C-alpha atoms as a PDB file:
ATOM      1  CA  MET A   1       0.106  -0.335   0.042  1.00  0.00           C
ATOM      2  CA  PRO A   2       2.015   3.172  -0.997  1.00  0.00           C
ATOM      3  CA  ASP A   3       2.207   5.250   1.804  1.00  0.00           C
ATOM      4  CA  ASN A   4       0.091   8.727   1.669  1.00  0.00           C
ATOM      5  CA  SER A   5       1.182  10.494   4.335  1.00  0.00           C
ATOM      6  CA  GLN A   6       5.137  11.910   2.997  1.00  0.00           C
ATOM      7  CA  ILE A   7       4.173  15.712   3.606  1.00  0.00           C
ATOM      8  CA  GLU A   8       5.928  17.062  -0.504  1.00  0.00           C
ATOM      9  CA  LYS A   9       2.670  14.834  -1.541  1.00  0.00           C
ATOM     10  CA  VAL A  10       0.593  15.734   1.144  1.00  0.00           C
ATOM     11  CA  LEU A  11       0.769  18.969   0.363  1.00  0.00           C
ATOM     12  CA  GLU A  12       0.839  18.732  -3.603  1.00  0.00           C
ATOM     13  CA  SER A  13      -2.262  16.893  -2.879  1.00  0.00           C
ATOM     14  CA  ALA A  14      -3.280  19.786  -0.718  1.00  0.00           C
ATOM     15  CA  THR A  15      -2.144  22.454  -3.068  1.00  0.00           C
ATOM     16  CA  GLU A  16      -4.741  21.274  -6.446  1.00  0.00           C
ATOM     17  CA  ARG A  17      -7.857  21.232  -3.676  1.00  0.00           C
ATOM     18  CA  LEU A  18      -7.483  24.225  -2.445  1.00  0.00           C
ATOM     19  CA  GLU A  19      -6.661  25.271  -6.503  1.00  0.00           C
ATOM     20  CA  ARG A  20      -9.367  23.754  -7.722  1.00  0.00           C
ATOM     21  CA  ALA A  21     -12.181  25.862  -5.035  1.00  0.00           C
ATOM     22  CA  ASP A  22     -10.926  28.883  -6.803  1.00  0.00           C
ATOM     23  CA  ILE A  23     -10.354  30.028  -2.356  1.00  0.00           C
ATOM     24  CA  TYR A  24      -9.016  33.634  -2.556  1.00  0.00           C
ATOM     25  CA  CYS A  25      -5.314  34.275  -1.368  1.00  0.00           C
ATOM     26  CA  GLY A  26      -5.169  37.668   0.761  1.00  0.00           C
ATOM     27  CA  HIS A  27      -4.214  37.746   4.214  1.00  0.00           C
ATOM     28  CA  GLY A  28      -0.757  37.029   4.209  1.00  0.00           C
ATOM     29  CA  THR A  29      -0.199  34.150   1.019  1.00  0.00           C
ATOM     30  CA  ASP A  30      -1.025  35.670  -2.274  1.00  0.00           C
ATOM     31  CA  ASN A  31      -1.019  31.652  -3.389  1.00  0.00           C
ATOM     32  CA  ALA A  32      -2.712  28.245  -3.177  1.00  0.00           C
ATOM     33  CA  TRP A  33       1.444  26.656  -2.378  1.00  0.00           C
ATOM     34  CA  ASP A  34       2.277  28.694   1.012  1.00  0.00           C
ATOM     35  CA  GLU A  35      -1.624  28.855   2.297  1.00  0.00           C
ATOM     36  CA  ALA A  36      -1.362  25.083   1.923  1.00  0.00           C
ATOM     37  CA  CYS A  37       2.163  25.812   4.267  1.00  0.00           C
ATOM     38  CA  LEU A  38       0.792  27.514   6.464  1.00  0.00           C
ATOM     39  CA  LEU A  39      -1.584  25.088   7.300  1.00  0.00           C
ATOM     40  CA  LEU A  40       1.365  22.170   7.496  1.00  0.00           C
ATOM     41  CA  LEU A  41       3.128  23.485   9.599  1.00  0.00           C
ATOM     42  CA  HIS A  42       0.282  24.893  12.114  1.00  0.00           C
ATOM     43  CA  SER A  43      -0.504  21.010  12.230  1.00  0.00           C
ATOM     44  CA  LEU A  44       3.601  19.810  12.252  1.00  0.00           C
ATOM     45  CA  CYS A  45       2.847  22.962  15.730  1.00  0.00           C
ATOM     46  CA  LEU A  46       5.878  24.399  13.715  1.00  0.00           C
ATOM     47  CA  GLN A  47       6.329  28.197  13.109  1.00  0.00           C
ATOM     48  CA  ARG A  48       9.217  27.731  10.172  1.00  0.00           C
ATOM     49  CA  ALA A  49      10.572  24.511   7.832  1.00  0.00           C
ATOM     50  CA  ASP A  50      13.560  24.591   5.181  1.00  0.00           C
ATOM     51  CA  GLU A  51      12.705  21.743   2.107  1.00  0.00           C
ATOM     52  CA  SER A  52      14.551  19.134   3.926  1.00  0.00           C
ATOM     53  CA  ILE A  53      11.070  18.746   6.155  1.00  0.00           C
ATOM     54  CA  LEU A  54       9.186  18.266   2.434  1.00  0.00           C
ATOM     55  CA  GLN A  55      10.938  14.726   2.522  1.00  0.00           C
ATOM     56  CA  GLU A  56       8.926  13.768   5.334  1.00  0.00           C
ATOM     57  CA  GLN A  57       6.104  11.769   7.229  1.00  0.00           C
ATOM     58  CA  MET A  58       3.222  12.899   9.093  1.00  0.00           C
ATOM     59  CA  SER A  59       1.801  10.206  11.786  1.00  0.00           C
ATOM     60  CA  PRO A  60      -1.937  10.242  11.939  1.00  0.00           C
ATOM     61  CA  GLU A  61      -2.732  12.751  14.183  1.00  0.00           C
ATOM     62  CA  GLN A  62      -1.524  15.153  12.426  1.00  0.00           C
ATOM     63  CA  ARG A  63      -2.883  14.391   8.535  1.00  0.00           C
ATOM     64  CA  GLU A  64      -5.752  14.573  10.373  1.00  0.00           C
ATOM     65  CA  HIS A  65      -5.757  18.216  12.097  1.00  0.00           C
ATOM     66  CA  PHE A  66      -4.225  18.965   8.633  1.00  0.00           C
ATOM     67  CA  GLU A  67      -7.334  17.491   6.633  1.00  0.00           C
ATOM     68  CA  ASP A  68      -9.498  19.540   9.098  1.00  0.00           C
ATOM     69  CA  LEU A  69      -7.466  22.571   8.277  1.00  0.00           C
ATOM     70  CA  ILE A  70      -8.084  22.780   4.849  1.00  0.00           C
ATOM     71  CA  ARG A  71     -11.543  20.973   4.404  1.00  0.00           C
ATOM     72  CA  ARG A  72     -12.467  24.592   7.054  1.00  0.00           C
ATOM     73  CA  ARG A  73     -10.242  26.105   4.831  1.00  0.00           C
ATOM     74  CA  ILE A  74     -12.356  24.690   1.392  1.00  0.00           C
ATOM     75  CA  GLU A  75     -15.805  24.744   3.061  1.00  0.00           C
ATOM     76  CA  ASP A  76     -16.146  27.662   5.936  1.00  0.00           C
ATOM     77  CA  ARG A  77     -13.845  30.471   2.978  1.00  0.00           C
ATOM     78  CA  LEU A  78     -11.954  31.297   6.158  1.00  0.00           C
ATOM     79  CA  PRO A  79      -8.731  33.065   6.192  1.00  0.00           C
ATOM     80  CA  ALA A  80      -6.028  30.455   6.801  1.00  0.00           C
ATOM     81  CA  PRO A  81      -5.200  32.846  10.808  1.00  0.00           C
ATOM     82  CA  TYR A  82      -7.878  32.680  12.141  1.00  0.00           C
ATOM     83  CA  LEU A  83      -8.131  29.556  11.029  1.00  0.00           C
ATOM     84  CA  ILE A  84      -4.655  28.780  13.034  1.00  0.00           C
ATOM     85  CA  GLY A  85      -5.784  31.814  15.428  1.00  0.00           C
ATOM     86  CA  GLU A  86      -2.577  33.688  13.815  1.00  0.00           C
ATOM     87  CA  ALA A  87      -1.025  35.769  12.051  1.00  0.00           C
ATOM     88  CA  ASP A  88       2.867  37.933  10.994  1.00  0.00           C
ATOM     89  CA  PHE A  89       3.689  40.908  11.358  1.00  0.00           C
ATOM     90  CA  ALA A  90       6.326  43.109  10.999  1.00  0.00           C
ATOM     91  CA  GLY A  91       8.407  39.980  12.433  1.00  0.00           C
ATOM     92  CA  MET A  92       6.463  39.579  15.489  1.00  0.00           C
ATOM     93  CA  ARG A  93       3.873  37.408  15.462  1.00  0.00           C
ATOM     94  CA  PHE A  94       0.189  38.047  16.950  1.00  0.00           C
ATOM     95  CA  ILE A  95      -3.235  36.580  18.441  1.00  0.00           C
ATOM     96  CA  VAL A  96      -5.958  37.076  15.737  1.00  0.00           C
ATOM     97  CA  ASP A  97      -9.721  36.037  15.477  1.00  0.00           C
ATOM     98  CA  GLU A  98     -12.754  36.897  14.315  1.00  0.00           C
ATOM     99  CA  ARG A  99     -12.967  40.228  16.091  1.00  0.00           C
ATOM    100  CA  VAL A 100     -10.121  42.184  14.888  1.00  0.00           C
ATOM    101  CA  LEU A 101      -8.623  41.971  11.328  1.00  0.00           C
ATOM    102  CA  VAL A 102      -6.053  39.552   9.996  1.00  0.00           C
ATOM    103  CA  PRO A 103      -2.841  41.754  10.439  1.00  0.00           C
ATOM    104  CA  ARG A 104      -2.094  42.591   6.884  1.00  0.00           C
ATOM    105  CA  SER A 105      -1.009  46.799   6.153  1.00  0.00           C
ATOM    106  CA  PRO A 106       1.655  47.856   4.126  1.00  0.00           C
ATOM    107  CA  ILE A 107       2.488  49.789   7.821  1.00  0.00           C
ATOM    108  CA  ALA A 108       5.055  46.917   8.566  1.00  0.00           C
ATOM    109  CA  GLU A 109       7.318  47.626   6.366  1.00  0.00           C
ATOM    110  CA  LEU A 110       7.326  51.141   7.163  1.00  0.00           C
ATOM    111  CA  ILE A 111       8.133  50.058  11.535  1.00  0.00           C
ATOM    112  CA  PHE A 112      11.149  47.903  10.169  1.00  0.00           C
ATOM    113  CA  ASN A 113      11.957  50.914   8.935  1.00  0.00           C
ATOM    114  CA  GLY A 114      11.604  52.893  11.980  1.00  0.00           C
ATOM    115  CA  PHE A 115       9.561  54.991   9.446  1.00  0.00           C
ATOM    116  CA  GLN A 116      12.956  56.790   7.337  1.00  0.00           C
ATOM    117  CA  PRO A 117      13.905  58.604   5.308  1.00  0.00           C
ATOM    118  CA  TRP A 118       9.691  60.552   6.996  1.00  0.00           C
ATOM    119  CA  ILE A 119      10.190  60.511  10.495  1.00  0.00           C
ATOM    120  CA  ALA A 120      13.637  61.941  11.365  1.00  0.00           C
ATOM    121  CA  THR A 121      13.820  61.257  15.416  1.00  0.00           C
ATOM    122  CA  ASP A 122      12.388  58.293  16.934  1.00  0.00           C
ATOM    123  CA  PRO A 123       8.402  59.161  18.477  1.00  0.00           C
ATOM    124  CA  LEU A 124       8.399  58.285  22.503  1.00  0.00           C
ATOM    125  CA  SER A 125       4.192  58.603  21.940  1.00  0.00           C
ATOM    126  CA  VAL A 126       2.123  57.213  19.634  1.00  0.00           C
ATOM    127  CA  LEU A 127      -1.682  56.216  18.908  1.00  0.00           C
ATOM    128  CA  ASP A 128      -2.423  53.206  16.942  1.00  0.00           C
ATOM    129  CA  LEU A 129      -6.160  54.537  15.954  1.00  0.00           C
ATOM    130  CA  CYS A 130      -8.133  52.035  14.957  1.00  0.00           C
ATOM    131  CA  ALA A 131      -5.510  49.826  16.485  1.00  0.00           C
ATOM    132  CA  GLY A 132      -7.453  46.496  16.322  1.00  0.00           C
ATOM    133  CA  SER A 133      -5.179  42.979  16.695  1.00  0.00           C
ATOM    134  CA  GLY A 134      -2.459  45.772  17.458  1.00  0.00           C
ATOM    135  CA  CYS A 135      -0.320  44.528  14.976  1.00  0.00           C
ATOM    136  CA  ILE A 136       0.578  48.634  14.551  1.00  0.00           C
ATOM    137  CA  GLY A 137       0.696  50.378  17.535  1.00  0.00           C
ATOM    138  CA  LEU A 138       2.934  47.021  19.662  1.00  0.00           C
ATOM    139  CA  ALA A 139       5.980  45.833  16.797  1.00  0.00           C
ATOM    140  CA  THR A 140       5.931  49.982  16.508  1.00  0.00           C
ATOM    141  CA  ALA A 141       6.708  49.683  19.972  1.00  0.00           C
ATOM    142  CA  ALA A 142       9.063  47.102  19.628  1.00  0.00           C
ATOM    143  CA  ARG A 143      10.919  49.116  16.659  1.00  0.00           C
ATOM    144  CA  PHE A 144      11.335  52.238  19.789  1.00  0.00           C
ATOM    145  CA  PRO A 145      12.045  50.520  23.203  1.00  0.00           C
ATOM    146  CA  GLU A 146      11.927  53.880  24.474  1.00  0.00           C
ATOM    147  CA  SER A 147       7.784  54.920  23.806  1.00  0.00           C
ATOM    148  CA  GLU A 148       4.832  54.059  24.986  1.00  0.00           C
ATOM    149  CA  VAL A 149       1.700  53.775  22.729  1.00  0.00           C
ATOM    150  CA  LEU A 150      -1.679  54.157  23.104  1.00  0.00           C
ATOM    151  CA  LEU A 151      -3.749  51.665  21.063  1.00  0.00           C
ATOM    152  CA  SER A 152      -7.362  52.528  20.208  1.00  0.00           C
ATOM    153  CA  ASP A 153     -10.622  51.187  19.411  1.00  0.00           C
ATOM    154  CA  LEU A 154     -14.204  50.957  18.880  1.00  0.00           C
ATOM    155  CA  SER A 155     -14.780  47.649  19.744  1.00  0.00           C
ATOM    156  CA  ALA A 156     -15.092  45.944  22.998  1.00  0.00           C
ATOM    157  CA  ASP A 157     -14.402  42.959  21.053  1.00  0.00           C
ATOM    158  CA  ALA A 158     -11.212  43.690  18.945  1.00  0.00           C
ATOM    159  CA  LEU A 159      -9.978  45.642  22.407  1.00  0.00           C
ATOM    160  CA  GLU A 160      -9.702  42.238  24.044  1.00  0.00           C
ATOM    161  CA  LEU A 161      -7.746  40.971  21.697  1.00  0.00           C
ATOM    162  CA  THR A 162      -5.681  43.908  22.362  1.00  0.00           C
ATOM    163  CA  GLN A 163      -5.061  42.989  25.513  1.00  0.00           C
ATOM    164  CA  ILE A 164      -3.773  39.307  25.404  1.00  0.00           C
ATOM    165  CA  ASN A 165      -1.810  40.076  22.860  1.00  0.00           C
ATOM    166  CA  ILE A 166      -0.301  43.371  24.444  1.00  0.00           C
ATOM    167  CA  GLU A 167       0.700  40.508  27.172  1.00  0.00           C
ATOM    168  CA  LYS A 168       1.570  37.876  24.702  1.00  0.00           C
ATOM    169  CA  HIS A 169       4.902  40.292  24.130  1.00  0.00           C
ATOM    170  CA  ASN A 170       5.714  41.329  27.294  1.00  0.00           C
ATOM    171  CA  LEU A 171       4.756  44.917  26.662  1.00  0.00           C
ATOM    172  CA  GLY A 172       2.170  45.723  29.091  1.00  0.00           C
ATOM    173  CA  GLY A 173       4.262  48.156  31.187  1.00  0.00           C
ATOM    174  CA  ARG A 174       4.836  50.348  27.499  1.00  0.00           C
ATOM    175  CA  CYS A 175       2.148  50.400  26.390  1.00  0.00           C
ATOM    176  CA  ARG A 176      -2.068  50.482  27.216  1.00  0.00           C
ATOM    177  CA  ALA A 177      -5.671  49.617  25.446  1.00  0.00           C
ATOM    178  CA  ILE A 178      -9.027  51.946  26.020  1.00  0.00           C
ATOM    179  CA  GLN A 179     -11.825  52.430  23.917  1.00  0.00           C
ATOM    180  CA  SER A 180     -12.724  54.842  22.069  1.00  0.00           C
ATOM    181  CA  ASP A 181     -14.875  56.442  19.198  1.00  0.00           C
ATOM    182  CA  LEU A 182     -11.718  57.808  16.919  1.00  0.00           C
ATOM    183  CA  PHE A 183     -10.558  60.484  19.057  1.00  0.00           C
ATOM    184  CA  ALA A 184     -13.592  60.886  21.918  1.00  0.00           C
ATOM    185  CA  ASN A 185     -12.135  59.479  25.013  1.00  0.00           C
ATOM    186  CA  LEU A 186      -8.564  60.888  23.807  1.00  0.00           C
ATOM    187  CA  LYS A 187      -9.669  64.765  24.790  1.00  0.00           C
ATOM    188  CA  GLY A 188      -5.719  66.090  26.310  1.00  0.00           C
ATOM    189  CA  GLN A 189      -3.539  63.534  24.941  1.00  0.00           C
ATOM    190  CA  THR A 190      -0.132  64.231  22.011  1.00  0.00           C
ATOM    191  CA  PHE A 191       1.319  61.553  20.285  1.00  0.00           C
ATOM    192  CA  ASP A 192       4.295  62.786  18.898  1.00  0.00           C
ATOM    193  CA  LEU A 193       2.885  60.201  16.445  1.00  0.00           C
ATOM    194  CA  ILE A 194      -0.125  58.661  15.149  1.00  0.00           C
ATOM    195  CA  LEU A 195      -0.331  55.699  12.958  1.00  0.00           C
ATOM    196  CA  SER A 196      -4.549  53.978  12.416  1.00  0.00           C
ATOM    197  CA  ASN A 197      -5.366  51.111   9.279  1.00  0.00           C
ATOM    198  CA  PRO A 198      -9.545  52.632   9.786  1.00  0.00           C
ATOM    199  CA  PRO A 199     -11.643  51.114   8.469  1.00  0.00           C
ATOM    200  CA  TYR A 200     -11.259  52.893   4.253  1.00  0.00           C
ATOM    201  CA  VAL A 201     -13.286  49.805   2.057  1.00  0.00           C
ATOM    202  CA  ASP A 202     -15.642  52.034  -0.118  1.00  0.00           C
ATOM    203  CA  GLN A 203     -19.411  50.657  -0.431  1.00  0.00           C
ATOM    204  CA  ARG A 204     -18.709  49.390  -3.777  1.00  0.00           C
ATOM    205  CA  ASP A 205     -15.310  46.769  -2.935  1.00  0.00           C
ATOM    206  CA  MET A 206     -17.753  45.270  -0.127  1.00  0.00           C
ATOM    207  CA  ASP A 207     -20.026  44.178  -2.025  1.00  0.00           C
ATOM    208  CA  GLU A 208     -17.856  43.100  -5.052  1.00  0.00           C
ATOM    209  CA  MET A 209     -15.165  41.221  -2.141  1.00  0.00           C
ATOM    210  CA  PRO A 210     -14.405  37.511  -1.920  1.00  0.00           C
ATOM    211  CA  GLN A 211     -15.950  35.343   0.900  1.00  0.00           C
ATOM    212  CA  GLU A 212     -13.407  35.117   2.462  1.00  0.00           C
ATOM    213  CA  TYR A 213     -12.776  39.597   3.561  1.00  0.00           C
ATOM    214  CA  HIS A 214     -16.680  38.540   4.638  1.00  0.00           C
ATOM    215  CA  ALA A 215     -15.927  36.742   7.123  1.00  0.00           C
ATOM    216  CA  GLU A 216     -13.442  39.595   8.284  1.00  0.00           C
ATOM    217  CA  PRO A 217     -15.541  41.768  11.209  1.00  0.00           C
ATOM    218  CA  ARG A 218     -17.933  44.583   8.829  1.00  0.00           C
ATOM    219  CA  MET A 219     -16.813  47.703  11.358  1.00  0.00           C
ATOM    220  CA  GLY A 220     -13.040  47.639  10.148  1.00  0.00           C
ATOM    221  CA  LEU A 221     -13.601  47.057   6.496  1.00  0.00           C
ATOM    222  CA  ALA A 222     -16.528  49.018   5.310  1.00  0.00           C
ATOM    223  CA  ALA A 223     -16.403  53.538   5.146  1.00  0.00           C
ATOM    224  CA  GLY A 224     -19.230  54.299   4.116  1.00  0.00           C
ATOM    225  CA  ILE A 225     -20.097  54.977  -0.226  1.00  0.00           C
ATOM    226  CA  ASP A 226     -16.548  56.535  -0.653  1.00  0.00           C
ATOM    227  CA  GLY A 227     -14.697  54.894   2.441  1.00  0.00           C
ATOM    228  CA  LEU A 228     -14.273  57.502   2.945  1.00  0.00           C
ATOM    229  CA  ASP A 229     -16.366  58.138   6.409  1.00  0.00           C
ATOM    230  CA  LEU A 230     -13.933  57.661   9.665  1.00  0.00           C
ATOM    231  CA  VAL A 231     -10.742  58.945   7.552  1.00  0.00           C
ATOM    232  CA  ARG A 232     -12.826  62.789   6.946  1.00  0.00           C
ATOM    233  CA  PRO A 233     -13.461  63.222  10.905  1.00  0.00           C
ATOM    234  CA  MET A 234      -9.283  61.955  11.761  1.00  0.00           C
ATOM    235  CA  LEU A 235      -7.982  64.957   9.261  1.00  0.00           C
ATOM    236  CA  ALA A 236      -9.982  67.082  10.647  1.00  0.00           C
ATOM    237  CA  GLN A 237      -8.943  66.600  14.520  1.00  0.00           C
ATOM    238  CA  ALA A 238      -5.658  64.711  14.484  1.00  0.00           C
ATOM    239  CA  ALA A 239      -3.358  68.517  14.648  1.00  0.00           C
ATOM    240  CA  GLN A 240      -5.369  68.345  18.307  1.00  0.00           C
ATOM    241  CA  TYR A 241      -3.544  65.330  18.939  1.00  0.00           C
ATOM    242  CA  LEU A 242      -0.045  65.394  17.781  1.00  0.00           C
ATOM    243  CA  ASN A 243       2.909  67.214  19.341  1.00  0.00           C
ATOM    244  CA  ASP A 244       4.647  70.173  17.584  1.00  0.00           C
ATOM    245  CA  GLY A 245       7.107  68.546  14.294  1.00  0.00           C
ATOM    246  CA  GLY A 246       4.001  65.283  15.175  1.00  0.00           C
ATOM    247  CA  HIS A 247       2.907  63.443  11.594  1.00  0.00           C
ATOM    248  CA  MET A 248      -0.193  61.010  11.048  1.00  0.00           C
ATOM    249  CA  ILE A 249       0.433  57.775   8.830  1.00  0.00           C
ATOM    250  CA  VAL A 250      -2.837  56.404   7.950  1.00  0.00           C
ATOM    251  CA  GLU A 251      -3.884  53.913   5.429  1.00  0.00           C
ATOM    252  CA  VAL A 252      -6.739  53.934   3.226  1.00  0.00           C
ATOM    253  CA  GLY A 253      -5.433  51.226   0.325  1.00  0.00           C
ATOM    254  CA  ASN A 254      -7.697  51.545  -3.166  1.00  0.00           C
ATOM    255  CA  SER A 255      -9.383  55.084  -1.176  1.00  0.00           C
ATOM    256  CA  TRP A 256      -6.629  57.262  -1.898  1.00  0.00           C
ATOM    257  CA  VAL A 257      -8.750  57.727  -5.106  1.00  0.00           C
ATOM    258  CA  ALA A 258     -12.086  59.561  -3.473  1.00  0.00           C
ATOM    259  CA  LEU A 259      -9.188  60.880  -0.858  1.00  0.00           C
ATOM    260  CA  GLU A 260      -7.377  63.194  -3.701  1.00  0.00           C
ATOM    261  CA  SER A 261     -10.749  63.956  -4.718  1.00  0.00           C
ATOM    262  CA  ALA A 262     -12.334  65.234  -1.886  1.00  0.00           C
ATOM    263  CA  PHE A 263      -9.503  66.922  -0.903  1.00  0.00           C
ATOM    264  CA  PRO A 264      -8.234  68.281  -4.310  1.00  0.00           C
ATOM    265  CA  GLN A 265      -5.647  71.349  -3.255  1.00  0.00           C
ATOM    266  CA  VAL A 266      -3.841  69.310  -0.122  1.00  0.00           C
ATOM    267  CA  ALA A 267      -0.827  67.834  -0.833  1.00  0.00           C
ATOM    268  CA  PHE A 268      -0.887  64.440   0.248  1.00  0.00           C
ATOM    269  CA  THR A 269       3.027  62.703   0.557  1.00  0.00           C
ATOM    270  CA  TRP A 270       2.006  58.777   0.134  1.00  0.00           C
ATOM    271  CA  LEU A 271       4.754  56.386   0.396  1.00  0.00           C
ATOM    272  CA  GLU A 272       6.137  53.978  -1.657  1.00  0.00           C
ATOM    273  CA  PHE A 273       6.700  49.883  -0.694  1.00  0.00           C
ATOM    274  CA  GLU A 274      10.130  48.352  -1.791  1.00  0.00           C
ATOM    275  CA  PHE A 275       7.461  44.384  -0.830  1.00  0.00           C
ATOM    276  CA  GLY A 276       3.853  45.754  -2.126  1.00  0.00           C
ATOM    277  CA  GLY A 277       1.718  47.941  -1.007  1.00  0.00           C
ATOM    278  CA  GLU A 278      -0.023  51.664  -2.169  1.00  0.00           C
ATOM    279  CA  GLY A 279      -2.198  54.502  -0.330  1.00  0.00           C
ATOM    280  CA  VAL A 280      -0.807  54.849   2.509  1.00  0.00           C
ATOM    281  CA  PHE A 281      -0.789  58.998   3.840  1.00  0.00           C
ATOM    282  CA  LEU A 282       1.495  60.837   5.901  1.00  0.00           C
ATOM    283  CA  LEU A 283       0.829  64.687   6.856  1.00  0.00           C
ATOM    284  CA  SER A 284       2.826  65.993   9.730  1.00  0.00           C
ATOM    285  CA  LYS A 285       0.707  68.548  12.269  1.00  0.00           C
ATOM    286  CA  ASP A 286       1.409  71.609  10.219  1.00  0.00           C
ATOM    287  CA  GLU A 287      -0.200  70.690   7.150  1.00  0.00           C
ATOM    288  CA  LEU A 288      -3.745  68.893   8.696  1.00  0.00           C
ATOM    289  CA  LEU A 289      -2.998  72.996  10.658  1.00  0.00           C
ATOM    290  CA  ARG A 290      -1.812  74.894   6.966  1.00  0.00           C
ATOM    291  CA  ASP A 291      -5.624  73.074   5.957  1.00  0.00           C
ATOM    292  CA  ALA A 292      -7.648  72.681   8.710  1.00  0.00           C
ATOM    293  CA  ASP A 293     -10.233  74.326   5.959  1.00  0.00           C
ATOM    294  CA  ALA A 294     -10.731  72.201   4.034  1.00  0.00           C
ATOM    295  CA  PHE A 295     -10.683  69.505   6.054  1.00  0.00           C
ATOM    296  CA  ARG A 296     -12.948  71.534   8.865  1.00  0.00           C
ATOM    297  CA  LEU A 297     -16.618  68.879   8.995  1.00  0.00           C
END
């Protein structure tokens, strides 16, 4: 009887099934092979492995667990990070589930690079607005060990997971989570850097999104007809929450076109990424004040 438990054969079979099922890869991978590898490593209780593992065998228990993950990935269309309960971001691993979006922001590359050359001095106070899992704020805290980071979100469910990730990375001494509708509960506080990956998906994109995205919390994605329902008040209010010389960096994804159209007089600095991504702008406090009339609600 042929041995069907060699890892390479198991992976090839799983990849073929994922491809036939036409799953959508957009939550940390961009192809079915990598998706299968991610689920396999979880089944083997490994975080990373080299190619030598392909010739090894899976135990019956490992194989059963892996096959169940593949089945759920196909039938339920759940993003792989929800199935394994974690996701990598900026070189760190975060606990995730359906309470938060799967971490995937290109802001990770900015954090890796210390926000250079855009920000000249290390930020000592940081706000992660619409924090979700906390991945952006916590990765920033890890990159800048002298910083203090406030992680804010409207969703109480999301903040439960934020706190779990704060504790996971032993950052409770410098990082704090707070519930707030944008800046509503942050009166009197100011920051060197405001980071945000807010909801920014417009109505048309929400209607056309692959099924995998509908497994994520809608309030973390949908932002009205043009995708700017949260970005507009952020721009109107952010200057008063920034220290002199401070900056805000915000991801708006595909809604960058709508943003440019809504504020044609504003010179947004659109950041470029070596490893992919678009729709992330930077504005200084001075620029926000200069264009205050344009941003006024």
